[in-house]
Amino acid sequence: MAETTTGTGLPKGFRSAEQGWPELSRIPHPPHRLPLLGDVIGASRRTPLQDSLRYARQLGPIFRRRAFNREFVFVWGAGLAADMADESRFAKHVGLGVANLRPVAGDGLFTAYNHEPNWQLAHDVLAPGFSREAMAAYHPMMLGVADRLMAHWDRALAAGRSVDVPGDMTKLTLETIARTGFGHDFGSFERARPHPFVTAMVGTLTYAQRLNSVPVQALLRRAARRNQDDIAYLNRTVDNLVRARTTDGPGDGDLLDRMLETTHPETGERLSAQNVRRQVITFLVAGHETTSGALSFALHYLSRHPEVAARARAEVDRVWGDTAVPAYDQVARLRYVRRILDEALRLWPTAPAFAREAREDTVLGGVHPMRRGAWALVLTAMLHRDPEVWGADAERFDPDRFEPGAVRTRPPHTFKPFGTGARACIGRQFALHEATLVLGLLLRRYEVRGDPAYRLRVTERLTLMPEGLRLRLERRAAPPTDPARVPSRTDERVPSELRCPVHRADD
């Protein structure tokens, strides 16, 4: 897919903000801008997202940054973000970081351009794979992988070792999507080191982000060779997986079966062999990378807020009781556990931004004119911290922000961890069911203790993950089986329609 980039490393068709924003000079930018280099003073190549959060606090709800010959507009104010969520005026823009993944993911669901027909074809073919019936079929496999995680943690507990939370959550979520989606087992928990697929995946994500921080791609010649090797490994892995399925015959109706066998209900089209490869890579990467981050951040906050953990355990004990294996429908009843995940995703949305482009000439927020094709990056991690929406204490971890009453009083389009509109994450219900189930199982089995000296550091590789997070485990005493012995809150029994991942029809 080398044809998707130019000699500078920019994707073909990339438009710097000067081309799309006629009154760009009205949008503030960081001080001390340098000729040729741009806004590099004080910037870090390793943490561009966290740099942008810092600038957002200084410059307001819309600002711009320049890196070499590229100018970017960032939006995070709730009103402007809601404006950009208008599907009649704006569409997904395959932004620079995402476009850098096209050499490996091509026109997969996440990286496809809007005009590419395979996006709609794949979406229509695969959407039934995330129906309620399909999710219920995945549930036992999710339980099986969670059992492997807990056996791994039991061994660490017996040996007196702390656990590597991001590493183990990555193993869990990779095995879950591989088994439920493609009938494959990477054997992650039987390995002392990450599976080579994970190493290659992290390499491609890291390289895609590094491309944004250099003026010309030639400066990353050695890294580019490693990236080509990583892409080749990912392709070989997926080709072998698909070859085994076509040789052995259909599985049990999983995502891979749908990719290989299902025709579009109206046109009768099938996904091409090349597109099947791209979709499998997209699901394996996106289907585990973001969920592992969400679980890791949630566990970090639980270790720092024992009162929240105690309330969540009380809910698990009350809802699941002494049921050895929670049923599919019991997971959605963990309302407070779900709020913990939502609050972790609010503070650190593991996909921390998404780009939107104007379908036609328009005026953003009634103030900033945009030409057709002009785009901006919606800074989700700052939108989720907007004090006008979330209050002066927006940096504080508080799951009660997602109580039904609080949700109903918030403006629309203010909680966007899965993107927005037609191109929002197709697997969001899968991810949330998996994460809620796993968090409930871990809360029921363990107390988690953090190192008091640990300070949250966030590593960036297009997605976000806590860096160096290790927790100590203590095995819980047997939970009470009499629901009357466990405190209850009537506000936990909320209507099922509020289980939507973004909680309201507007989102």
Protein backbone atom coordinates (compact mmCIF):
# COMPACT_ATOMS: atom_id res chain seq x y z
CA MET A 1 0.00 0.00 0.00
CA ALA A 2 2.99 2.33 -0.49
CA GLU A 3 0.92 4.29 -2.98
CA THR A 4 -1.03 5.83 -0.11
CA THR A 5 1.89 8.05 0.95
CA THR A 6 4.05 10.72 -0.61
CA GLY A 7 7.80 11.17 -0.29
CA THR A 8 7.27 13.31 2.78
CA GLY A 9 5.45 10.51 4.56
CA LEU A 10 2.12 12.33 4.26
CA PRO A 11 -0.84 10.33 2.96
CA LYS A 12 -1.91 11.34 -0.52
CA GLY A 13 -4.66 13.90 -0.31
CA PHE A 14 -3.53 15.25 3.06
CA ARG A 15 -4.77 18.81 3.50
CA SER A 16 -3.01 21.14 5.90
CA ALA A 17 -5.40 23.45 7.73
CA GLU A 18 -4.42 26.49 5.65
CA GLN A 19 -6.19 24.88 2.69
CA GLY A 20 -9.52 24.41 4.42
CA TRP A 21 -9.94 27.17 7.00
CA PRO A 22 -10.22 30.61 5.31
CA GLU A 23 -9.95 32.46 8.64
CA LEU A 24 -7.33 30.24 10.24
CA SER A 25 -5.55 33.22 11.77
CA ARG A 26 -8.47 33.69 14.18
CA ILE A 27 -7.77 30.30 15.79
CA PRO A 28 -5.17 30.55 18.59
CA HIS A 29 -1.93 28.58 18.57
CA PRO A 30 0.85 28.00 21.13
CA PRO A 31 3.27 30.88 21.72
CA HIS A 32 6.87 30.85 20.50
CA ARG A 33 6.15 29.36 17.08
CA LEU A 34 9.38 28.85 15.12
CA PRO A 35 9.84 29.33 11.37
CA LEU A 36 9.92 26.00 9.48
CA LEU A 37 9.71 23.93 12.67
CA GLY A 38 6.39 25.19 14.02
CA ASP A 39 5.18 24.64 17.58
CA VAL A 40 7.99 22.38 18.75
CA ILE A 41 9.19 24.22 21.84
CA GLY A 42 8.18 22.16 24.85
CA ALA A 43 6.60 19.45 22.70
CA SER A 44 7.34 15.75 23.13
CA ARG A 45 7.48 13.23 20.29
CA ARG A 46 6.40 10.53 22.74
CA THR A 47 3.32 12.23 24.20
CA PRO A 48 1.65 14.38 21.50
CA LEU A 49 -1.81 13.76 22.91
CA GLN A 50 -0.85 14.86 26.40
CA ASP A 51 0.88 17.91 24.91
CA SER A 52 -2.38 18.73 23.15
CA LEU A 53 -4.30 18.47 26.43
CA ARG A 54 -1.91 20.99 27.94
CA TYR A 55 -2.35 23.39 25.03
CA ALA A 56 -6.13 22.90 25.13
CA ARG A 57 -6.24 24.14 28.70
CA GLN A 58 -4.22 27.20 27.71
CA LEU A 59 -5.82 28.07 24.38
CA GLY A 60 -9.50 27.19 24.69
CA PRO A 61 -12.12 25.06 22.90
CA ILE A 62 -10.55 25.37 19.44
CA PHE A 63 -6.85 25.78 18.73
CA ARG A 64 -4.21 24.82 16.19
CA ARG A 65 -0.75 23.34 16.24
CA ARG A 66 1.92 23.33 13.56
CA ALA A 67 4.51 20.61 13.09
CA PHE A 68 6.94 21.40 10.26
CA ASN A 69 4.77 21.99 7.16
CA ARG A 70 1.54 20.63 8.64
CA GLU A 71 -1.08 22.64 10.44
CA PHE A 72 -3.75 20.90 12.51
CA VAL A 73 -6.94 22.25 14.06
CA PHE A 74 -8.12 20.72 17.35
CA VAL A 75 -11.65 21.01 18.73
CA TRP A 76 -12.78 20.03 22.21
CA GLY A 77 -15.45 22.44 23.40
CA ALA A 78 -18.76 20.66 23.89
CA GLY A 79 -20.72 22.98 21.61
CA LEU A 80 -18.23 22.74 18.75
CA ALA A 81 -17.89 18.96 19.15
CA ALA A 82 -21.69 18.60 19.02
CA ASP A 83 -21.71 20.69 15.84
CA MET A 84 -19.16 18.36 14.26
CA ALA A 85 -21.29 15.36 15.23
CA ASP A 86 -23.96 16.55 12.79
CA GLU A 87 -23.89 13.78 10.16
CA SER A 88 -25.61 15.96 7.59
CA ARG A 89 -22.68 18.42 7.59
CA PHE A 90 -19.69 16.36 8.72
CA ALA A 91 -18.30 12.88 8.09
CA LYS A 92 -15.42 10.80 9.35
CA HIS A 93 -12.03 12.02 8.25
CA VAL A 94 -9.27 9.44 8.04
CA GLY A 95 -6.83 11.58 9.99
CA LEU A 96 -3.09 11.51 9.73
CA GLY A 97 -2.40 8.89 12.42
CA VAL A 98 -5.14 6.60 11.12
CA ALA A 99 -4.09 7.07 7.50
CA ASN A 100 -0.59 5.98 8.51
CA LEU A 101 -2.09 2.55 9.29
CA ARG A 102 -3.42 2.06 5.78
CA PRO A 103 -0.32 0.14 4.63
CA VAL A 104 -1.43 -2.65 6.98
CA ALA A 105 -5.21 -2.18 7.27
CA GLY A 106 -6.05 -0.68 3.86
CA ASP A 107 -9.78 -0.24 3.41
CA GLY A 108 -10.68 -2.08 6.60
CA LEU A 109 -13.57 -0.71 8.65
CA PHE A 110 -11.40 1.64 10.71
CA THR A 111 -9.08 2.98 8.01
CA ALA A 112 -11.33 3.09 4.93
CA TYR A 113 -11.98 6.41 3.25
CA ASN A 114 -15.63 7.38 3.01
CA HIS A 115 -15.72 6.93 -0.76
CA GLU A 116 -14.38 3.35 -0.64
CA PRO A 117 -17.25 0.88 -1.17
CA ASN A 118 -15.78 -1.89 0.95
CA TRP A 119 -16.56 0.02 4.15
CA GLN A 120 -20.33 -0.15 3.67
CA LEU A 121 -20.16 -3.71 2.33
CA ALA A 122 -18.14 -4.94 5.31
CA HIS A 123 -20.27 -3.01 7.79
CA ASP A 124 -23.51 -4.49 6.46
CA VAL A 125 -22.06 -8.00 6.33
CA LEU A 126 -20.51 -7.89 9.80
CA ALA A 127 -23.05 -5.87 11.80
CA PRO A 128 -25.15 -9.01 12.60
CA GLY A 129 -22.02 -10.41 14.24
CA PHE A 130 -22.61 -7.93 17.06
CA SER A 131 -26.31 -8.60 17.57
CA ARG A 132 -27.63 -9.71 20.93
CA GLU A 133 -27.80 -13.32 19.76
CA ALA A 134 -24.22 -13.24 18.54
CA MET A 135 -23.03 -11.62 21.75
CA ALA A 136 -24.72 -14.30 23.84
CA ALA A 137 -22.84 -16.92 21.80
CA TYR A 138 -19.51 -15.18 22.48
CA HIS A 139 -20.16 -15.01 26.23
CA PRO A 140 -18.97 -18.57 27.13
CA MET A 141 -15.73 -18.02 25.19
CA MET A 142 -15.17 -14.74 27.03
CA LEU A 143 -15.62 -16.63 30.29
CA GLY A 144 -13.07 -19.23 29.18
CA VAL A 145 -10.42 -16.62 28.48
CA ALA A 146 -11.19 -14.84 31.77
CA ASP A 147 -10.62 -18.16 33.56
CA ARG A 148 -7.17 -18.35 31.99
CA LEU A 149 -6.39 -14.83 33.20
CA MET A 150 -7.49 -15.67 36.74
CA ALA A 151 -5.46 -18.88 36.77
CA HIS A 152 -2.46 -16.78 35.69
CA TRP A 153 -3.15 -14.28 38.47
CA ASP A 154 -3.67 -17.06 41.03
CA ARG A 155 -0.17 -18.33 40.22
CA ALA A 156 1.27 -14.84 40.67
CA LEU A 157 -0.60 -14.49 43.98
CA ALA A 158 0.71 -17.84 45.24
CA ALA A 159 4.26 -16.82 44.32
CA GLY A 160 3.90 -13.43 45.99
CA ARG A 161 4.37 -11.56 42.72
CA SER A 162 2.59 -8.43 41.58
CA VAL A 163 0.86 -8.55 38.19
CA ASP A 164 1.63 -6.61 35.02
CA VAL A 165 -1.81 -5.13 34.40
CA PRO A 166 -1.41 -3.72 30.85
CA GLY A 167 0.47 -6.82 29.71
CA ASP A 168 -2.10 -9.22 31.14
CA MET A 169 -5.09 -7.21 29.89
CA THR A 170 -3.52 -7.27 26.42
CA LYS A 171 -3.21 -11.06 26.61
CA LEU A 172 -6.83 -11.32 27.76
CA THR A 173 -8.35 -9.12 25.08
CA LEU A 174 -6.22 -10.54 22.25
CA GLU A 175 -7.27 -14.08 23.13
CA THR A 176 -10.90 -13.01 23.48
CA ILE A 177 -11.21 -11.43 20.04
CA ALA A 178 -9.10 -14.19 18.44
CA ARG A 179 -11.28 -16.96 19.88
CA THR A 180 -14.69 -15.36 19.51
CA GLY A 181 -14.04 -13.79 16.13
CA PHE A 182 -11.72 -16.20 14.40
CA GLY A 183 -11.56 -19.48 16.32
CA HIS A 184 -7.85 -18.99 16.99
CA ASP A 185 -5.74 -19.35 20.15
CA PHE A 186 -2.51 -17.37 20.39
CA GLY A 187 -1.52 -19.13 23.64
CA SER A 188 -0.76 -15.77 25.26
CA PHE A 189 -0.99 -16.95 28.87
CA GLU A 190 1.41 -19.80 28.22
CA ARG A 191 4.12 -17.41 27.01
CA ALA A 192 6.69 -15.62 29.12
CA ARG A 193 6.97 -12.86 26.50
CA PRO A 194 4.25 -11.15 24.43
CA HIS A 195 3.12 -13.04 21.37
CA PRO A 196 4.98 -11.84 18.25
CA PHE A 197 1.64 -10.64 16.87
CA VAL A 198 1.40 -8.17 19.78
CA THR A 199 5.00 -7.04 19.26
CA ALA A 200 4.36 -6.45 15.56
CA MET A 201 1.07 -4.69 16.28
CA VAL A 202 2.67 -2.35 18.82
CA GLY A 203 5.43 -1.70 16.31
CA THR A 204 3.02 -0.64 13.57
CA LEU A 205 1.00 1.59 15.93
CA THR A 206 4.13 3.24 17.29
CA TYR A 207 5.54 3.79 13.81
CA ALA A 208 2.26 5.31 12.62
CA GLN A 209 2.47 7.85 15.43
CA ARG A 210 6.17 8.59 14.87
CA LEU A 211 5.45 9.46 11.23
CA ASN A 212 3.55 12.50 12.49
CA SER A 213 6.62 13.90 14.27
CA VAL A 214 9.21 14.00 11.47
CA PRO A 215 9.38 16.38 8.50
CA VAL A 216 10.28 13.66 5.96
CA GLN A 217 9.82 9.91 6.07
CA ALA A 218 13.49 9.33 5.12
CA LEU A 219 14.48 10.19 8.70
CA LEU A 220 12.81 6.96 9.80
CA ARG A 221 14.46 4.69 7.24
CA ARG A 222 15.50 2.03 9.75
CA ALA A 223 12.16 2.22 11.57
CA ALA A 224 10.41 1.96 8.20
CA ARG A 225 12.22 -1.33 7.48
CA ARG A 226 11.16 -2.69 10.86
CA ASN A 227 7.61 -1.55 10.14
CA GLN A 228 7.63 -3.42 6.83
CA ASP A 229 8.76 -6.53 8.70
CA ASP A 230 5.99 -6.03 11.26
CA ILE A 231 3.38 -5.64 8.52
CA ALA A 232 4.65 -8.76 6.77
CA TYR A 233 4.34 -10.73 10.02
CA LEU A 234 0.80 -9.51 10.64
CA ASN A 235 -0.16 -10.43 7.07
CA ARG A 236 1.39 -13.91 7.33
CA THR A 237 -0.35 -14.58 10.62
CA VAL A 238 -3.74 -13.62 9.25
CA ASP A 239 -3.20 -15.42 5.94
CA ASN A 240 -2.41 -18.62 7.85
CA LEU A 241 -5.50 -18.17 10.01
CA VAL A 242 -7.75 -17.68 6.97
CA ARG A 243 -6.10 -20.56 5.09
CA ALA A 244 -6.75 -22.92 8.00
CA ARG A 245 -10.43 -21.93 8.04
CA THR A 246 -10.91 -22.40 4.31
CA THR A 247 -9.11 -25.77 4.51
CA ASP A 248 -10.93 -27.09 7.57
CA GLY A 249 -14.33 -25.74 6.66
CA PRO A 250 -16.70 -23.30 8.43
CA GLY A 251 -16.48 -22.66 12.15
CA ASP A 252 -19.43 -21.86 14.38
CA GLY A 253 -20.66 -18.77 12.58
CA ASP A 254 -18.07 -16.38 13.97
CA LEU A 255 -16.83 -13.16 12.34
CA LEU A 256 -14.45 -15.00 10.05
CA ASP A 257 -17.26 -17.23 8.77
CA ARG A 258 -19.27 -14.11 8.05
CA MET A 259 -16.36 -12.53 6.18
CA LEU A 260 -15.81 -15.62 4.04
CA GLU A 261 -19.34 -16.87 3.48
CA THR A 262 -21.85 -14.04 3.84
CA THR A 263 -23.14 -12.07 0.88
CA HIS A 264 -24.57 -8.60 1.14
CA PRO A 265 -28.33 -8.93 1.72
CA GLU A 266 -29.19 -6.57 -1.14
CA THR A 267 -26.36 -6.72 -3.68
CA GLY A 268 -25.12 -10.29 -3.19
CA GLU A 269 -21.52 -9.04 -3.03
CA ARG A 270 -18.84 -10.81 -0.99
CA LEU A 271 -15.71 -9.43 0.64
CA SER A 272 -12.61 -10.00 -1.49
CA ALA A 273 -9.77 -12.13 -0.13
CA GLN A 274 -7.62 -9.01 0.28
CA ASN A 275 -10.35 -7.20 2.18
CA VAL A 276 -10.93 -10.21 4.44
CA ARG A 277 -7.27 -10.00 5.44
CA ARG A 278 -7.62 -6.29 6.16
CA GLN A 279 -10.78 -6.75 8.20
CA VAL A 280 -9.23 -9.54 10.28
CA ILE A 281 -6.19 -7.39 11.05
CA THR A 282 -8.49 -4.47 11.90
CA PHE A 283 -10.51 -6.55 14.34
CA LEU A 284 -7.50 -8.23 15.93
CA VAL A 285 -5.77 -4.90 16.49
CA ALA A 286 -8.66 -2.57 17.27
CA GLY A 287 -10.66 -5.34 18.97
CA HIS A 288 -8.16 -5.80 21.74
CA GLU A 289 -5.90 -2.77 21.98
CA THR A 290 -8.52 -0.30 23.18
CA THR A 291 -10.35 -2.72 25.50
CA SER A 292 -7.12 -3.71 27.23
CA GLY A 293 -6.41 -0.03 27.87
CA ALA A 294 -9.89 0.59 29.27
CA LEU A 295 -9.58 -2.35 31.69
CA SER A 296 -6.10 -1.26 32.74
CA PHE A 297 -7.16 2.29 33.55
CA ALA A 298 -10.24 1.01 35.40
CA LEU A 299 -8.10 -1.31 37.55
CA HIS A 300 -5.71 1.55 38.29
CA TYR A 301 -8.54 3.72 39.57
CA LEU A 302 -10.04 0.86 41.58
CA SER A 303 -6.69 0.35 43.30
CA ARG A 304 -6.66 4.06 44.24
CA HIS A 305 -10.29 4.27 45.34
CA PRO A 306 -11.07 1.43 47.75
CA GLU A 307 -14.50 2.89 48.51
CA VAL A 308 -15.44 2.60 44.83
CA ALA A 309 -14.08 -0.95 44.70
CA ALA A 310 -16.08 -1.91 47.81
CA ARG A 311 -19.30 -0.57 46.33
CA ALA A 312 -18.64 -2.40 43.05
CA ARG A 313 -17.97 -5.68 44.88
CA ALA A 314 -21.19 -5.26 46.83
CA GLU A 315 -23.03 -4.93 43.52
CA VAL A 316 -21.35 -8.02 42.07
CA ASP A 317 -22.22 -10.00 45.21
CA ARG A 318 -25.81 -8.84 45.10
CA VAL A 319 -26.41 -9.35 41.38
CA TRP A 320 -24.44 -12.55 40.85
CA GLY A 321 -24.83 -14.02 44.33
CA ASP A 322 -23.23 -17.45 44.61
CA THR A 323 -23.62 -18.17 40.87
CA ALA A 324 -20.40 -19.86 39.87
CA VAL A 325 -20.63 -18.75 36.23
CA PRO A 326 -22.52 -15.51 35.51
CA ALA A 327 -25.01 -15.76 32.67
CA TYR A 328 -24.96 -13.40 29.71
CA ASP A 329 -27.94 -11.34 30.96
CA GLN A 330 -26.37 -10.94 34.42
CA VAL A 331 -23.49 -8.90 33.04
CA ALA A 332 -25.67 -6.00 31.89
CA ARG A 333 -27.12 -5.78 35.41
CA LEU A 334 -23.77 -4.63 36.81
CA ARG A 335 -24.74 -0.97 36.50
CA TYR A 336 -22.14 0.45 38.87
CA VAL A 337 -19.31 -1.67 37.46
CA ARG A 338 -20.25 -0.30 34.06
CA ARG A 339 -20.09 3.24 35.41
CA ILE A 340 -16.55 2.59 36.58
CA LEU A 341 -15.58 1.62 33.05
CA ASP A 342 -17.37 4.67 31.63
CA GLU A 343 -15.56 6.97 34.03
CA ALA A 344 -12.20 5.40 33.19
CA LEU A 345 -13.02 5.90 29.50
CA ARG A 346 -14.03 9.47 30.21
CA LEU A 347 -10.68 10.36 31.76
CA TRP A 348 -8.58 8.27 29.40
CA PRO A 349 -10.50 7.31 26.27
CA THR A 350 -8.13 4.75 24.83
CA ALA A 351 -8.89 6.05 21.33
CA PRO A 352 -8.28 9.64 22.43
CA ALA A 353 -9.39 11.59 19.35
CA PHE A 354 -11.29 11.27 16.09
CA ALA A 355 -11.27 13.44 12.98
CA ARG A 356 -14.23 14.96 11.16
CA GLU A 357 -14.38 16.68 7.78
CA ALA A 358 -16.89 19.08 6.26
CA ARG A 359 -19.16 17.54 3.62
CA GLU A 360 -19.73 20.99 2.09
CA ASP A 361 -18.67 24.55 2.85
CA THR A 362 -19.97 25.35 6.32
CA VAL A 363 -19.37 27.49 9.41
CA LEU A 364 -18.36 25.67 12.59
CA GLY A 365 -20.21 26.93 15.63
CA GLY A 366 -21.46 29.88 13.59
CA VAL A 367 -17.97 31.41 13.85
CA HIS A 368 -15.28 29.51 11.93
CA PRO A 369 -15.77 29.03 8.16
CA MET A 370 -14.66 25.68 6.71
CA ARG A 371 -14.36 24.69 3.09
CA ARG A 372 -15.56 21.34 1.84
CA GLY A 373 -13.01 18.69 2.90
CA ALA A 374 -11.57 20.82 5.71
CA TRP A 375 -11.08 18.74 8.81
CA ALA A 376 -10.37 18.97 12.52
CA LEU A 377 -9.38 16.59 15.24
CA VAL A 378 -11.97 16.26 18.01
CA LEU A 379 -9.86 15.87 21.13
CA THR A 380 -12.01 13.36 23.00
CA ALA A 381 -9.80 13.27 26.07
CA MET A 382 -10.32 17.03 26.51
CA LEU A 383 -14.00 17.01 25.52
CA HIS A 384 -14.42 14.59 28.43
CA ARG A 385 -12.77 17.15 30.71
CA ASP A 386 -14.73 20.22 29.60
CA PRO A 387 -15.50 21.95 32.92
CA GLU A 388 -18.68 23.48 31.49
CA VAL A 389 -20.04 19.93 31.11
CA TRP A 390 -18.28 17.89 33.77
CA GLY A 391 -17.75 20.54 36.44
CA ALA A 392 -14.73 22.16 38.03
CA ASP A 393 -13.64 18.74 39.34
CA ALA A 394 -13.57 17.14 35.89
CA GLU A 395 -10.13 15.62 36.56
CA ARG A 396 -11.49 13.67 39.54
CA PHE A 397 -12.50 10.00 39.17
CA ASP A 398 -16.19 9.68 40.06
CA PRO A 399 -18.36 6.91 38.56
CA ASP A 400 -21.51 8.64 39.81
CA ARG A 401 -21.16 11.05 36.89
CA PHE A 402 -22.88 8.28 34.96
CA GLU A 403 -25.92 7.89 37.20
CA PRO A 404 -29.04 8.10 35.00
CA GLY A 405 -30.08 11.47 36.36
CA ALA A 406 -26.67 12.99 35.71
CA VAL A 407 -26.58 11.56 32.19
CA ARG A 408 -29.98 13.01 31.33
CA THR A 409 -28.95 16.53 32.36
CA ARG A 410 -25.78 16.63 30.26
CA PRO A 411 -25.72 18.11 26.76
CA PRO A 412 -25.62 15.62 23.88
CA HIS A 413 -22.39 14.46 22.25
CA THR A 414 -20.22 15.03 25.31
CA PHE A 415 -19.14 11.41 25.90
CA LYS A 416 -17.53 9.92 22.80
CA PRO A 417 -15.09 7.10 23.64
CA PHE A 418 -16.14 5.13 20.56
CA GLY A 419 -16.24 7.94 18.03
CA THR A 420 -19.43 9.27 16.50
CA GLY A 421 -21.94 8.73 13.74
CA ALA A 422 -22.09 6.03 11.11
CA ARG A 423 -18.36 5.34 11.43
CA ALA A 424 -18.39 4.84 15.21
CA CYS A 425 -16.84 1.62 16.51
CA ILE A 426 -18.88 -1.35 15.29
CA GLY A 427 -17.68 -3.49 18.20
CA ARG A 428 -18.46 -1.17 21.09
CA GLN A 429 -21.09 -3.46 22.66
CA PHE A 430 -18.68 -6.40 22.36
CA ALA A 431 -15.94 -4.42 24.11
CA LEU A 432 -18.20 -3.20 26.89
CA HIS A 433 -19.71 -6.62 27.58
CA GLU A 434 -16.25 -8.17 27.72
CA ALA A 435 -14.83 -5.43 29.96
CA THR A 436 -17.80 -5.43 32.35
CA LEU A 437 -17.73 -9.22 32.63
CA VAL A 438 -13.99 -9.32 33.31
CA LEU A 439 -14.07 -6.48 35.81
CA GLY A 440 -16.93 -8.16 37.67
CA LEU A 441 -15.05 -11.47 37.82
CA LEU A 442 -11.87 -9.80 39.07
CA LEU A 443 -13.70 -7.78 41.70
CA ARG A 444 -15.42 -10.91 42.97
CA ARG A 445 -12.11 -12.80 43.26
CA TYR A 446 -9.46 -10.27 44.29
CA GLU A 447 -8.63 -7.16 46.21
CA VAL A 448 -6.15 -5.09 44.18
CA ARG A 449 -3.48 -2.94 45.81
CA GLY A 450 -1.36 -0.37 44.04
CA ASP A 451 2.13 0.79 44.86
CA PRO A 452 1.67 4.03 46.85
CA ALA A 453 4.70 5.46 45.04
CA TYR A 454 3.23 4.84 41.58
CA ARG A 455 2.12 7.89 39.64
CA LEU A 456 0.00 7.34 36.57
CA ARG A 457 2.02 7.68 33.38
CA VAL A 458 0.29 7.26 30.06
CA THR A 459 2.06 5.77 27.08
CA GLU A 460 0.85 6.75 23.60
CA ARG A 461 0.90 4.61 20.45
CA LEU A 462 -2.15 6.12 18.78
CA THR A 463 -4.05 4.41 21.60
CA LEU A 464 -3.46 5.08 25.31
CA MET A 465 -2.27 2.69 28.02
CA PRO A 466 -1.05 3.16 31.61
CA GLU A 467 2.69 2.66 31.68
CA GLY A 468 4.38 0.39 34.19
CA LEU A 469 1.19 -0.36 36.13
CA ARG A 470 1.63 -3.32 38.48
CA LEU A 471 -0.82 -4.33 41.20
CA ARG A 472 -0.57 -6.62 44.18
CA LEU A 473 -3.39 -9.12 44.68
CA GLU A 474 -5.18 -10.41 47.74
CA ARG A 475 -7.69 -13.22 47.49
CA ARG A 476 -11.11 -12.18 48.73
CA ALA A 477 -12.90 -14.01 51.47
CA ALA A 478 -16.01 -15.85 50.28
CA PRO A 479 -18.67 -13.24 49.40
CA PRO A 480 -22.00 -13.23 51.24
CA THR A 481 -24.72 -15.21 49.50
CA ASP A 482 -27.69 -13.54 51.17
CA PRO A 483 -28.56 -10.46 49.11
CA ALA A 484 -30.15 -8.87 52.17
CA ARG A 485 -26.67 -8.65 53.77
CA VAL A 486 -25.33 -6.51 50.94
CA PRO A 487 -26.13 -2.78 50.71
CA SER A 488 -28.27 -1.85 47.74
CA ARG A 489 -29.06 1.39 45.94
CA THR A 490 -32.31 1.80 44.11
CA ASP A 491 -30.59 3.89 41.46
CA GLU A 492 -28.69 0.80 40.28
CA ARG A 493 -31.92 -0.61 38.82
CA VAL A 494 -32.10 1.54 35.72
CA PRO A 495 -34.04 0.86 32.54
CA SER A 496 -32.32 -1.42 30.07
CA GLU A 497 -32.39 1.23 27.36
CA LEU A 498 -29.76 3.19 29.31
CA ARG A 499 -27.26 0.40 28.73
CA CYS A 500 -26.29 2.03 25.44
CA PRO A 501 -22.50 2.64 25.58
CA VAL A 502 -22.98 6.36 25.16
CA HIS A 503 -26.20 6.46 27.14
CA ARG A 504 -28.43 8.68 25.03
CA ALA A 505 -29.97 8.74 21.61
CA ASP A 506 -28.12 11.94 20.69
CA ASP A 507 -24.81 10.09 20.99
